[in-house]
Every structure is written in structure tokens, then in C-alpha cells.
Amino acid sequence: MIRDADYKSCVETGLLIMQEQRKKLINDCLNLSPTIYLGLHSSESKNLRELYFQSYITEWLSMHWEIMNKIIESQSDYSKDAQKRMTLFYADYFASFLTEYSNSSISAKLMIPDGLNVQLEQLREMIRYNDKWQLNSNRMRVQMKKSKEQYERLIKEFEAKQKKESV
């Protein structure tokens, strides 16, 4: 069971992460992040635009998890048990967040990758089998990296295909 002090710390950390990531989203839009800008202006192809946006959102969502891991890892005074409780607490929140996102009208219009479903399943497995929380947390990080690489590859392939078709 999570203690009140740990619960408060988990909630504060979660809110801090959400606040920082929303600031990043706003700044990236205002400062014309390359992925967002290219998604808006680089192509007449709706599919390529959607790939750029989905790539950005997937990376943005992944950063929530990465930041949480870095915060927990940076706290040398946290015992393994406290790290486990905080990770599982955040995993529960993050699974709800990803579920809400995947059910939103925004994501319904985009090509939702299987990677999001894999991430959700890994979070659920982490919560179910909490004795393997560290292994599942690492798997989650690997899956997020794989999703990013898949988007980069898809975008490059799609752009190369468009260039061939325009010649």
C-alpha cells in the first residue's frame, strides 16, 4: 500500500510532468518544431502529414514516461520499494492517460500505431505483475524508442516514394 507521503509525492510529480510536457507542446507549436512544421507544410499528402503528427504525439507521450523514470532514478534517497511504488502509481496514471488519448477524437482521425496498444499492455502487465516492475519499465522504454524509430523510417519511406512519383 502506498503511504500518504508517497501518494502526495507521486501526485505532485505526475502533475509536474504533465505541466512541463504541456509547456513543451505549446512551445513546440509556437516555435515551429520541425516535426510539427513539416507536418503542416511539407506535403500535400494527408497521409504524410498524419505520420508527422502521429510521430510527434507518440514521442511527446513517451517523454512523460521518460521524465518520470529520470525523476525516480535521480532520487538517491528512494529505496527500491519506494521506486517500485512510485513507478506502479505512475504506470496506473499513464495507462489511463494513454487509454483516454487513444479513445479521443484526435487520435481516431490519425493512424494509431500498434505501438500504443503494446505500451498500454506493458503498463497493464507492470501493474498486474508488480514484482517485475523494473523489467517491464525497461521494456516500456524500449518499446517507446522502437515506436519513434518506426515513425522516422515510415516518414523517410513515404517521402522517398513521393519524390519518385513527382519525377
N, C-alpha and C. Protein backbone atom coordinates (compact mmCIF):
# COMPACT_ATOMS: atom_id res chain seq x y z
N MET A 1 0.85 -1.18 0.00
CA MET A 1 0.00 0.00 0.00
C MET A 1 0.89 1.24 0.00
N ILE A 2 0.48 2.23 -0.72
CA ILE A 2 1.26 3.47 -0.83
C ILE A 2 0.93 4.37 0.36
N ARG A 3 1.97 4.88 1.01
CA ARG A 3 1.78 5.78 2.16
C ARG A 3 1.31 7.15 1.67
N ASP A 4 0.70 7.91 2.59
CA ASP A 4 0.19 9.24 2.24
C ASP A 4 1.28 10.15 1.70
N ALA A 5 2.46 10.12 2.32
CA ALA A 5 3.55 10.98 1.87
C ALA A 5 4.00 10.59 0.46
N ASP A 6 4.06 9.26 0.21
CA ASP A 6 4.44 8.79 -1.12
C ASP A 6 3.37 9.16 -2.14
N TYR A 7 2.10 9.02 -1.73
CA TYR A 7 0.99 9.36 -2.63
C TYR A 7 1.06 10.82 -3.03
N LYS A 8 1.28 11.68 -2.04
CA LYS A 8 1.37 13.12 -2.32
C LYS A 8 2.54 13.40 -3.26
N SER A 9 3.66 12.77 -3.01
CA SER A 9 4.84 12.96 -3.86
C SER A 9 4.57 12.46 -5.28
N CYS A 10 3.89 11.32 -5.40
CA CYS A 10 3.55 10.78 -6.72
C CYS A 10 2.63 11.72 -7.49
N VAL A 11 1.63 12.23 -6.81
CA VAL A 11 0.69 13.14 -7.46
C VAL A 11 1.40 14.42 -7.88
N GLU A 12 2.21 14.98 -6.99
CA GLU A 12 2.95 16.20 -7.33
C GLU A 12 3.88 15.97 -8.52
N THR A 13 4.57 14.84 -8.52
CA THR A 13 5.48 14.52 -9.62
C THR A 13 4.70 14.36 -10.92
N GLY A 14 3.59 13.65 -10.87
CA GLY A 14 2.75 13.47 -12.05
C GLY A 14 2.25 14.79 -12.61
N LEU A 15 1.79 15.67 -11.72
CA LEU A 15 1.31 16.98 -12.16
C LEU A 15 2.45 17.82 -12.75
N LEU A 16 3.63 17.74 -12.15
CA LEU A 16 4.78 18.46 -12.67
C LEU A 16 5.13 17.98 -14.08
N ILE A 17 5.13 16.67 -14.26
CA ILE A 17 5.44 16.10 -15.58
C ILE A 17 4.40 16.56 -16.61
N MET A 18 3.12 16.48 -16.25
CA MET A 18 2.08 16.91 -17.19
C MET A 18 2.22 18.39 -17.52
N GLN A 19 2.50 19.21 -16.51
CA GLN A 19 2.66 20.64 -16.73
C GLN A 19 3.83 20.92 -17.67
N GLU A 20 4.96 20.29 -17.42
CA GLU A 20 6.14 20.50 -18.26
C GLU A 20 5.91 20.02 -19.69
N GLN A 21 5.26 18.90 -19.85
CA GLN A 21 5.02 18.37 -21.19
C GLN A 21 4.00 19.23 -21.95
N ARG A 22 3.05 19.80 -21.27
CA ARG A 22 2.11 20.69 -21.96
C ARG A 22 2.80 21.99 -22.38
N LYS A 23 3.72 22.47 -21.53
CA LYS A 23 4.52 23.64 -21.91
C LYS A 23 5.35 23.32 -23.16
N LYS A 24 5.91 22.13 -23.18
CA LYS A 24 6.71 21.72 -24.34
C LYS A 24 5.84 21.69 -25.60
N LEU A 25 4.66 21.14 -25.49
CA LEU A 25 3.74 21.07 -26.63
C LEU A 25 3.43 22.47 -27.16
N ILE A 26 3.12 23.38 -26.26
CA ILE A 26 2.82 24.76 -26.66
C ILE A 26 4.04 25.42 -27.29
N ASN A 27 5.19 25.29 -26.64
CA ASN A 27 6.42 25.88 -27.18
C ASN A 27 6.79 25.29 -28.54
N ASP A 28 6.62 24.00 -28.70
CA ASP A 28 6.93 23.38 -29.98
C ASP A 28 6.01 23.91 -31.08
N CYS A 29 4.75 24.15 -30.75
CA CYS A 29 3.83 24.71 -31.74
C CYS A 29 4.20 26.16 -32.07
N LEU A 30 4.49 26.95 -31.04
CA LEU A 30 4.82 28.35 -31.26
C LEU A 30 6.17 28.53 -31.95
N ASN A 31 7.11 27.65 -31.64
CA ASN A 31 8.46 27.77 -32.20
C ASN A 31 8.69 26.91 -33.44
N LEU A 32 7.61 26.41 -34.00
CA LEU A 32 7.66 25.63 -35.23
C LEU A 32 8.63 24.45 -35.15
N SER A 33 8.37 23.57 -34.21
CA SER A 33 9.14 22.33 -34.12
C SER A 33 9.19 21.70 -35.51
N PRO A 34 10.34 21.19 -35.92
CA PRO A 34 10.46 20.62 -37.28
C PRO A 34 9.40 19.56 -37.59
N THR A 35 9.10 18.69 -36.64
CA THR A 35 8.12 17.64 -36.92
C THR A 35 6.73 18.25 -37.13
N ILE A 36 6.37 19.20 -36.30
CA ILE A 36 5.06 19.85 -36.45
C ILE A 36 5.04 20.69 -37.72
N TYR A 37 6.08 21.48 -37.94
CA TYR A 37 6.14 22.33 -39.12
C TYR A 37 6.08 21.51 -40.40
N LEU A 38 6.87 20.46 -40.46
CA LEU A 38 6.87 19.61 -41.66
C LEU A 38 5.51 18.95 -41.84
N GLY A 39 4.87 18.59 -40.75
CA GLY A 39 3.54 18.02 -40.83
C GLY A 39 2.53 19.00 -41.40
N LEU A 40 2.70 20.26 -41.08
CA LEU A 40 1.77 21.28 -41.58
C LEU A 40 2.06 21.71 -43.01
N HIS A 41 3.35 21.78 -43.37
CA HIS A 41 3.70 22.49 -44.61
C HIS A 41 4.50 21.71 -45.64
N SER A 42 4.96 20.54 -45.34
CA SER A 42 5.91 19.92 -46.26
C SER A 42 5.27 19.16 -47.41
N SER A 43 4.04 18.82 -47.28
CA SER A 43 3.49 17.91 -48.28
C SER A 43 2.01 18.16 -48.50
N GLU A 44 1.62 17.82 -49.69
CA GLU A 44 0.19 17.87 -49.98
C GLU A 44 -0.48 16.56 -49.60
N SER A 45 0.30 15.61 -49.19
CA SER A 45 -0.22 14.29 -48.84
C SER A 45 -0.76 14.27 -47.42
N LYS A 46 -2.03 13.95 -47.31
CA LYS A 46 -2.66 13.86 -45.99
C LYS A 46 -2.00 12.76 -45.16
N ASN A 47 -1.67 11.64 -45.77
CA ASN A 47 -1.06 10.53 -45.03
C ASN A 47 0.29 10.92 -44.43
N LEU A 48 1.10 11.67 -45.18
CA LEU A 48 2.39 12.08 -44.66
C LEU A 48 2.22 13.08 -43.52
N ARG A 49 1.29 14.02 -43.68
CA ARG A 49 1.02 14.97 -42.60
C ARG A 49 0.61 14.23 -41.33
N GLU A 50 -0.26 13.26 -41.48
CA GLU A 50 -0.71 12.49 -40.32
C GLU A 50 0.44 11.70 -39.69
N LEU A 51 1.35 11.18 -40.52
CA LEU A 51 2.52 10.48 -39.98
C LEU A 51 3.37 11.42 -39.13
N TYR A 52 3.60 12.62 -39.64
CA TYR A 52 4.39 13.60 -38.87
C TYR A 52 3.72 13.91 -37.53
N PHE A 53 2.43 14.16 -37.56
CA PHE A 53 1.72 14.49 -36.31
C PHE A 53 1.72 13.31 -35.36
N GLN A 54 1.45 12.12 -35.88
CA GLN A 54 1.43 10.94 -35.02
C GLN A 54 2.81 10.68 -34.44
N SER A 55 3.85 10.91 -35.22
CA SER A 55 5.22 10.75 -34.75
C SER A 55 5.48 11.71 -33.59
N TYR A 56 5.08 12.95 -33.76
CA TYR A 56 5.29 13.94 -32.71
C TYR A 56 4.53 13.56 -31.44
N ILE A 57 3.26 13.23 -31.58
CA ILE A 57 2.44 12.91 -30.41
C ILE A 57 2.96 11.67 -29.70
N THR A 58 3.38 10.66 -30.46
CA THR A 58 3.92 9.45 -29.85
C THR A 58 5.17 9.77 -29.04
N GLU A 59 6.05 10.59 -29.61
CA GLU A 59 7.26 10.97 -28.88
C GLU A 59 6.90 11.83 -27.66
N TRP A 60 5.95 12.72 -27.82
CA TRP A 60 5.51 13.57 -26.71
C TRP A 60 4.95 12.73 -25.57
N LEU A 61 4.14 11.74 -25.89
CA LEU A 61 3.60 10.85 -24.87
C LEU A 61 4.72 10.06 -24.19
N SER A 62 5.67 9.59 -24.97
CA SER A 62 6.79 8.81 -24.43
C SER A 62 7.62 9.63 -23.45
N MET A 63 7.74 10.91 -23.72
CA MET A 63 8.54 11.77 -22.84
C MET A 63 7.95 11.84 -21.43
N HIS A 64 6.65 11.69 -21.29
CA HIS A 64 6.04 11.66 -19.96
C HIS A 64 6.67 10.52 -19.15
N TRP A 65 6.77 9.35 -19.76
CA TRP A 65 7.31 8.18 -19.08
C TRP A 65 8.81 8.35 -18.80
N GLU A 66 9.54 8.87 -19.78
CA GLU A 66 10.98 9.06 -19.62
C GLU A 66 11.29 10.03 -18.48
N ILE A 67 10.55 11.12 -18.42
CA ILE A 67 10.78 12.11 -17.37
C ILE A 67 10.51 11.49 -16.00
N MET A 68 9.41 10.72 -15.91
CA MET A 68 9.10 10.07 -14.64
C MET A 68 10.25 9.16 -14.22
N ASN A 69 10.77 8.38 -15.14
CA ASN A 69 11.87 7.47 -14.82
C ASN A 69 13.11 8.24 -14.36
N LYS A 70 13.41 9.32 -15.04
CA LYS A 70 14.59 10.12 -14.67
C LYS A 70 14.42 10.73 -13.28
N ILE A 71 13.23 11.19 -12.97
CA ILE A 71 12.97 11.77 -11.65
C ILE A 71 13.17 10.71 -10.56
N ILE A 72 12.60 9.56 -10.77
CA ILE A 72 12.72 8.49 -9.77
C ILE A 72 14.17 8.03 -9.64
N GLU A 73 14.86 7.87 -10.77
CA GLU A 73 16.25 7.42 -10.74
C GLU A 73 17.18 8.45 -10.10
N SER A 74 16.83 9.73 -10.20
CA SER A 74 17.69 10.78 -9.65
C SER A 74 17.56 10.91 -8.13
N GLN A 75 16.55 10.31 -7.56
CA GLN A 75 16.33 10.39 -6.11
C GLN A 75 17.09 9.27 -5.42
N SER A 76 18.31 9.55 -5.04
CA SER A 76 19.15 8.51 -4.41
C SER A 76 18.63 8.07 -3.05
N ASP A 77 17.78 8.88 -2.43
CA ASP A 77 17.27 8.51 -1.12
C ASP A 77 16.03 7.60 -1.20
N TYR A 78 15.54 7.33 -2.40
CA TYR A 78 14.40 6.42 -2.55
C TYR A 78 14.88 4.98 -2.46
N SER A 79 14.25 4.20 -1.63
CA SER A 79 14.55 2.77 -1.58
C SER A 79 13.97 2.12 -2.84
N LYS A 80 14.38 0.89 -3.11
CA LYS A 80 13.82 0.15 -4.26
C LYS A 80 12.31 0.00 -4.10
N ASP A 81 11.87 -0.20 -2.87
CA ASP A 81 10.44 -0.34 -2.62
C ASP A 81 9.70 0.96 -2.94
N ALA A 82 10.28 2.09 -2.56
CA ALA A 82 9.65 3.39 -2.86
C ALA A 82 9.65 3.64 -4.37
N GLN A 83 10.74 3.29 -5.05
CA GLN A 83 10.80 3.43 -6.51
C GLN A 83 9.72 2.58 -7.17
N LYS A 84 9.57 1.36 -6.66
CA LYS A 84 8.55 0.46 -7.20
C LYS A 84 7.16 1.05 -7.02
N ARG A 85 6.84 1.51 -5.81
CA ARG A 85 5.52 2.08 -5.54
C ARG A 85 5.24 3.29 -6.44
N MET A 86 6.24 4.15 -6.57
CA MET A 86 6.05 5.34 -7.40
C MET A 86 5.90 4.97 -8.88
N THR A 87 6.69 4.02 -9.35
CA THR A 87 6.60 3.60 -10.74
C THR A 87 5.24 2.98 -11.03
N LEU A 88 4.78 2.12 -10.14
CA LEU A 88 3.47 1.48 -10.33
C LEU A 88 2.33 2.49 -10.24
N PHE A 89 2.46 3.46 -9.33
CA PHE A 89 1.46 4.52 -9.23
C PHE A 89 1.39 5.29 -10.55
N TYR A 90 2.57 5.67 -11.06
CA TYR A 90 2.60 6.43 -12.31
C TYR A 90 2.16 5.56 -13.49
N ALA A 91 2.49 4.29 -13.47
CA ALA A 91 2.07 3.37 -14.54
C ALA A 91 0.55 3.33 -14.63
N ASP A 92 -0.11 3.30 -13.48
CA ASP A 92 -1.57 3.29 -13.46
C ASP A 92 -2.12 4.58 -14.07
N TYR A 93 -1.56 5.71 -13.65
CA TYR A 93 -1.98 7.00 -14.22
C TYR A 93 -1.71 7.03 -15.73
N PHE A 94 -0.50 6.62 -16.13
CA PHE A 94 -0.09 6.72 -17.53
C PHE A 94 -0.94 5.80 -18.41
N ALA A 95 -1.31 4.63 -17.91
CA ALA A 95 -2.19 3.73 -18.67
C ALA A 95 -3.54 4.40 -18.91
N SER A 96 -4.07 5.06 -17.89
CA SER A 96 -5.34 5.79 -18.05
C SER A 96 -5.19 6.92 -19.06
N PHE A 97 -4.08 7.63 -18.98
CA PHE A 97 -3.80 8.74 -19.89
C PHE A 97 -3.72 8.24 -21.33
N LEU A 98 -3.01 7.16 -21.57
CA LEU A 98 -2.89 6.61 -22.93
C LEU A 98 -4.22 6.08 -23.44
N THR A 99 -5.00 5.48 -22.55
CA THR A 99 -6.32 4.98 -22.94
C THR A 99 -7.21 6.14 -23.36
N GLU A 100 -7.22 7.21 -22.56
CA GLU A 100 -8.00 8.40 -22.91
C GLU A 100 -7.55 8.96 -24.26
N TYR A 101 -6.25 9.04 -24.45
CA TYR A 101 -5.72 9.58 -25.70
C TYR A 101 -6.13 8.71 -26.88
N SER A 102 -5.98 7.40 -26.73
CA SER A 102 -6.29 6.51 -27.86
C SER A 102 -7.77 6.51 -28.19
N ASN A 103 -8.62 6.87 -27.21
CA ASN A 103 -10.06 6.93 -27.46
C ASN A 103 -10.53 8.33 -27.86
N SER A 104 -9.62 9.29 -27.92
CA SER A 104 -10.02 10.66 -28.24
C SER A 104 -10.33 10.81 -29.72
N SER A 105 -11.07 11.85 -30.03
CA SER A 105 -11.42 12.10 -31.43
C SER A 105 -10.19 12.47 -32.25
N ILE A 106 -9.20 13.08 -31.61
CA ILE A 106 -7.98 13.45 -32.32
C ILE A 106 -7.26 12.20 -32.81
N SER A 107 -7.06 11.25 -31.92
CA SER A 107 -6.33 10.05 -32.32
C SER A 107 -7.16 9.17 -33.24
N ALA A 108 -8.48 9.24 -33.14
CA ALA A 108 -9.33 8.44 -34.02
C ALA A 108 -9.16 8.86 -35.48
N LYS A 109 -8.79 10.12 -35.69
CA LYS A 109 -8.60 10.62 -37.06
C LYS A 109 -7.22 10.27 -37.61
N LEU A 110 -6.31 9.90 -36.73
CA LEU A 110 -4.96 9.58 -37.16
C LEU A 110 -4.76 8.08 -37.21
N MET A 111 -3.65 7.67 -37.79
CA MET A 111 -3.32 6.25 -37.88
C MET A 111 -2.68 5.82 -36.57
N ILE A 112 -3.46 5.27 -35.68
CA ILE A 112 -2.95 4.87 -34.37
C ILE A 112 -2.07 3.64 -34.56
N PRO A 113 -0.82 3.75 -34.12
CA PRO A 113 0.09 2.62 -34.30
C PRO A 113 -0.18 1.52 -33.29
N ASP A 114 0.22 0.33 -33.67
CA ASP A 114 0.10 -0.79 -32.75
C ASP A 114 0.97 -0.55 -31.52
N GLY A 115 2.00 0.27 -31.66
CA GLY A 115 2.91 0.55 -30.55
C GLY A 115 2.19 1.10 -29.34
N LEU A 116 1.16 1.93 -29.55
CA LEU A 116 0.41 2.48 -28.43
C LEU A 116 -0.30 1.36 -27.67
N ASN A 117 -0.87 0.43 -28.40
CA ASN A 117 -1.53 -0.71 -27.75
C ASN A 117 -0.51 -1.59 -27.01
N VAL A 118 0.67 -1.75 -27.59
CA VAL A 118 1.72 -2.53 -26.94
C VAL A 118 2.14 -1.83 -25.64
N GLN A 119 2.28 -0.51 -25.69
CA GLN A 119 2.66 0.24 -24.48
C GLN A 119 1.60 0.09 -23.40
N LEU A 120 0.34 0.17 -23.79
CA LEU A 120 -0.74 0.00 -22.81
C LEU A 120 -0.69 -1.39 -22.18
N GLU A 121 -0.47 -2.39 -23.01
CA GLU A 121 -0.40 -3.75 -22.47
C GLU A 121 0.79 -3.92 -21.53
N GLN A 122 1.92 -3.30 -21.86
CA GLN A 122 3.08 -3.39 -20.98
C GLN A 122 2.81 -2.68 -19.65
N LEU A 123 2.12 -1.57 -19.69
CA LEU A 123 1.77 -0.88 -18.44
C LEU A 123 0.83 -1.75 -17.59
N ARG A 124 -0.14 -2.35 -18.24
CA ARG A 124 -1.08 -3.21 -17.50
C ARG A 124 -0.35 -4.42 -16.91
N GLU A 125 0.59 -4.97 -17.68
CA GLU A 125 1.38 -6.10 -17.18
C GLU A 125 2.25 -5.67 -16.00
N MET A 126 2.80 -4.48 -16.08
CA MET A 126 3.63 -3.96 -14.99
C MET A 126 2.79 -3.85 -13.71
N ILE A 127 1.57 -3.40 -13.84
CA ILE A 127 0.70 -3.25 -12.69
C ILE A 127 0.28 -4.62 -12.16
N ARG A 128 -0.09 -5.54 -13.09
CA ARG A 128 -0.51 -6.88 -12.69
C ARG A 128 0.61 -7.67 -12.01
N TYR A 129 1.78 -7.62 -12.62
CA TYR A 129 2.92 -8.39 -12.11
C TYR A 129 3.94 -7.42 -11.52
N ASN A 130 3.57 -6.78 -10.44
CA ASN A 130 4.38 -5.69 -9.91
C ASN A 130 5.73 -6.14 -9.38
N ASP A 131 5.95 -7.45 -9.23
CA ASP A 131 7.27 -7.90 -8.80
C ASP A 131 8.29 -7.76 -9.94
N LYS A 132 7.80 -7.62 -11.17
CA LYS A 132 8.70 -7.44 -12.32
C LYS A 132 8.62 -6.00 -12.85
N TRP A 133 8.35 -5.06 -11.97
CA TRP A 133 8.13 -3.67 -12.37
C TRP A 133 9.32 -3.08 -13.10
N GLN A 134 10.54 -3.38 -12.66
CA GLN A 134 11.72 -2.78 -13.27
C GLN A 134 11.93 -3.31 -14.69
N LEU A 135 11.76 -4.61 -14.86
CA LEU A 135 11.89 -5.21 -16.19
C LEU A 135 10.84 -4.64 -17.13
N ASN A 136 9.61 -4.54 -16.67
CA ASN A 136 8.55 -4.00 -17.52
C ASN A 136 8.73 -2.52 -17.80
N SER A 137 9.28 -1.79 -16.86
CA SER A 137 9.57 -0.37 -17.09
C SER A 137 10.62 -0.24 -18.19
N ASN A 138 11.64 -1.08 -18.14
CA ASN A 138 12.67 -1.06 -19.19
C ASN A 138 12.09 -1.47 -20.54
N ARG A 139 11.21 -2.45 -20.53
CA ARG A 139 10.55 -2.87 -21.79
C ARG A 139 9.74 -1.71 -22.37
N MET A 140 9.10 -0.97 -21.49
CA MET A 140 8.30 0.18 -21.92
C MET A 140 9.19 1.21 -22.61
N ARG A 141 10.33 1.47 -22.04
CA ARG A 141 11.26 2.44 -22.62
C ARG A 141 11.75 1.96 -23.99
N VAL A 142 12.04 0.68 -24.11
CA VAL A 142 12.49 0.12 -25.39
C VAL A 142 11.39 0.23 -26.42
N GLN A 143 10.15 -0.09 -26.04
CA GLN A 143 9.03 0.00 -26.98
C GLN A 143 8.83 1.42 -27.47
N MET A 144 8.99 2.39 -26.58
CA MET A 144 8.83 3.79 -26.98
C MET A 144 9.92 4.19 -27.97
N LYS A 145 11.13 3.72 -27.75
CA LYS A 145 12.23 4.01 -28.67
C LYS A 145 11.96 3.35 -30.02
N LYS A 146 11.45 2.13 -30.00
CA LYS A 146 11.13 1.44 -31.25
C LYS A 146 10.04 2.18 -32.03
N SER A 147 9.04 2.68 -31.31
CA SER A 147 7.96 3.43 -31.97
C SER A 147 8.50 4.67 -32.66
N LYS A 148 9.38 5.37 -31.99
CA LYS A 148 9.98 6.57 -32.58
C LYS A 148 10.75 6.21 -33.85
N GLU A 149 11.55 5.16 -33.78
CA GLU A 149 12.33 4.74 -34.94
C GLU A 149 11.43 4.29 -36.09
N GLN A 150 10.32 3.62 -35.77
CA GLN A 150 9.39 3.18 -36.80
C GLN A 150 8.78 4.38 -37.53
N TYR A 151 8.42 5.41 -36.77
CA TYR A 151 7.87 6.60 -37.41
C TYR A 151 8.90 7.28 -38.31
N GLU A 152 10.11 7.40 -37.82
CA GLU A 152 11.16 8.02 -38.64
C GLU A 152 11.35 7.25 -39.94
N ARG A 153 11.35 5.92 -39.86
CA ARG A 153 11.51 5.10 -41.06
C ARG A 153 10.30 5.25 -41.99
N LEU A 154 9.09 5.23 -41.45
CA LEU A 154 7.89 5.38 -42.27
C LEU A 154 7.87 6.73 -42.99
N ILE A 155 8.25 7.78 -42.27
CA ILE A 155 8.26 9.12 -42.87
C ILE A 155 9.28 9.17 -44.01
N LYS A 156 10.48 8.65 -43.79
CA LYS A 156 11.51 8.64 -44.84
C LYS A 156 11.04 7.85 -46.06
N GLU A 157 10.46 6.67 -45.82
CA GLU A 157 9.97 5.85 -46.94
C GLU A 157 8.87 6.57 -47.71
N PHE A 158 7.96 7.21 -47.00
CA PHE A 158 6.84 7.90 -47.63
C PHE A 158 7.35 9.09 -48.44
N GLU A 159 8.30 9.84 -47.88
CA GLU A 159 8.86 10.99 -48.60
C GLU A 159 9.61 10.53 -49.84
N ALA A 160 10.38 9.45 -49.75
CA ALA A 160 11.11 8.92 -50.91
C ALA A 160 10.13 8.47 -51.99
N LYS A 161 9.05 7.85 -51.59
CA LYS A 161 8.02 7.40 -52.54
C LYS A 161 7.39 8.60 -53.25
N GLN A 162 7.13 9.67 -52.49
CA GLN A 162 6.55 10.87 -53.08
C GLN A 162 7.49 11.52 -54.08
N LYS A 163 8.79 11.55 -53.73
CA LYS A 163 9.77 12.14 -54.65
C LYS A 163 9.83 11.36 -55.96
N LYS A 164 9.78 10.04 -55.87
CA LYS A 164 9.79 9.19 -57.09
C LYS A 164 8.58 9.46 -57.95
N GLU A 165 7.42 9.60 -57.30
CA GLU A 165 6.16 9.83 -58.02
C GLU A 165 6.11 11.20 -58.66
N SER A 166 6.81 12.17 -58.08
CA SER A 166 6.76 13.53 -58.62
C SER A 166 7.74 13.72 -59.75
N VAL A 167 8.68 12.79 -59.95
CA VAL A 167 9.68 12.92 -61.03
C VAL A 167 9.15 12.44 -62.33
